[in-house]
Amino acid sequence: MNIQVNTQQIELARLKAVTTRLVNDLVELSDERDTLITVDGNWIHIDFVGRGSEQFNLQLSDTYSIQTRINYLTDNVKTLSKIKNYILECLAA
């Protein structure tokens, strides 16, 4: 049991680090003429200029189970990666 808990804690820490890296990459790619990205505490706001916007929590609080937080961060990593790839594709076009 302790081994699984430690493994889950390691996975949670890894996902937090990946999320932070992706958020930093997105902020660097932010351009007020195309895609404006701001971070306010635990929230990220992405404004696709003239196309809509998205806003969500980057991670859940410790009140949630570790597995729920891992699942949430896994989904966020996927979403942030898709957004990053979209922005990079737009820049390349």
Protein backbone atom coordinates (compact mmCIF):
# COMPACT_ATOMS: atom_id res chain seq x y z
CA MET A 1 0.00 0.00 0.00
CA ASN A 2 2.76 2.47 0.87
CA ILE A 3 4.49 1.75 -2.42
CA GLN A 4 1.36 2.71 -4.37
CA VAL A 5 0.87 5.87 -2.32
CA ASN A 6 4.49 6.87 -2.97
CA THR A 7 4.09 6.08 -6.66
CA GLN A 8 0.95 8.21 -6.79
CA GLN A 9 2.68 11.08 -5.02
CA ILE A 10 5.57 10.87 -7.49
CA GLU A 11 3.13 10.86 -10.41
CA LEU A 12 1.28 13.85 -8.93
CA ALA A 13 4.55 15.79 -8.56
CA ARG A 14 5.54 14.89 -12.13
CA LEU A 15 2.22 16.06 -13.53
CA LYS A 16 2.45 19.33 -11.57
CA ALA A 17 5.91 19.93 -13.06
CA VAL A 18 4.70 19.16 -16.60
CA THR A 19 1.71 21.47 -16.10
CA THR A 20 3.96 24.28 -14.89
CA ARG A 21 6.28 23.83 -17.88
CA LEU A 22 3.37 23.87 -20.34
CA VAL A 23 1.85 26.96 -18.72
CA ASN A 24 5.19 28.77 -18.91
CA ASP A 25 5.54 27.77 -22.59
CA LEU A 26 2.04 29.07 -23.31
CA VAL A 27 2.65 32.38 -21.55
CA GLU A 28 5.80 32.82 -23.67
CA LEU A 29 3.76 32.14 -26.82
CA SER A 30 1.10 34.65 -25.77
CA ASP A 31 0.46 37.35 -28.35
CA GLU A 32 -2.25 39.96 -27.86
CA ARG A 33 -2.98 39.94 -31.61
CA ASP A 34 -3.76 36.22 -31.74
CA THR A 35 -3.81 34.27 -28.47
CA LEU A 36 -3.56 36.08 -25.15
CA ILE A 37 -2.70 33.85 -22.20
CA THR A 38 -2.72 34.98 -18.59
CA VAL A 39 -2.25 33.11 -15.33
CA ASP A 40 -3.81 34.29 -12.09
CA GLY A 41 -2.92 32.05 -9.19
CA ASN A 42 -4.36 28.63 -9.93
CA TRP A 43 -6.34 29.84 -12.98
CA ILE A 44 -5.29 30.07 -16.61
CA HIS A 45 -7.25 32.22 -19.05
CA ILE A 46 -6.72 31.77 -22.77
CA ASP A 47 -8.29 34.28 -25.12
CA PHE A 48 -8.24 33.19 -28.76
CA VAL A 49 -8.66 36.71 -30.12
CA GLY A 50 -11.87 36.85 -32.13
CA ARG A 51 -12.44 33.11 -31.70
CA GLY A 52 -13.47 32.59 -28.07
CA SER A 53 -11.79 31.84 -24.79
CA GLU A 54 -11.13 29.15 -22.19
CA GLN A 55 -10.54 29.42 -18.47
CA PHE A 56 -9.88 26.66 -15.96
CA ASN A 57 -8.14 25.71 -12.72
CA LEU A 58 -4.66 24.36 -13.21
CA GLN A 59 -4.93 21.88 -10.35
CA LEU A 60 -7.29 20.74 -7.63
CA SER A 61 -6.78 21.40 -3.93
CA ASP A 62 -5.58 18.80 -1.45
CA THR A 63 -9.17 18.25 -0.32
CA TYR A 64 -9.58 15.94 -3.34
CA SER A 65 -8.15 12.42 -3.36
CA ILE A 66 -4.72 11.96 -4.87
CA GLN A 67 -6.19 9.84 -7.71
CA THR A 68 -8.74 12.53 -8.56
CA ARG A 69 -5.95 15.14 -8.65
CA ILE A 70 -3.83 12.88 -10.88
CA ASN A 71 -6.77 12.41 -13.27
CA TYR A 72 -7.48 16.16 -13.32
CA LEU A 73 -3.85 17.05 -14.00
CA THR A 74 -3.60 14.37 -16.71
CA ASP A 75 -6.59 15.93 -18.48
CA ASN A 76 -5.11 19.41 -18.07
CA VAL A 77 -1.77 18.31 -19.51
CA LYS A 78 -3.60 16.92 -22.56
CA THR A 79 -5.62 20.14 -22.96
CA LEU A 80 -2.61 22.43 -22.49
CA SER A 81 -0.58 20.35 -24.97
CA LYS A 82 -3.34 20.59 -27.58
CA ILE A 83 -3.54 24.36 -27.09
CA LYS A 84 0.23 24.70 -27.36
CA ASN A 85 0.28 22.61 -30.57
CA TYR A 86 -2.59 24.70 -32.00
CA ILE A 87 -0.70 27.95 -31.31
CA LEU A 88 2.51 26.57 -32.80
CA GLU A 89 0.62 25.42 -35.92
CA CYS A 90 -0.89 28.90 -36.29
CA LEU A 91 2.53 30.50 -35.96
CA ALA A 92 3.96 28.17 -38.62
CA ALA A 93 1.17 28.94 -41.10
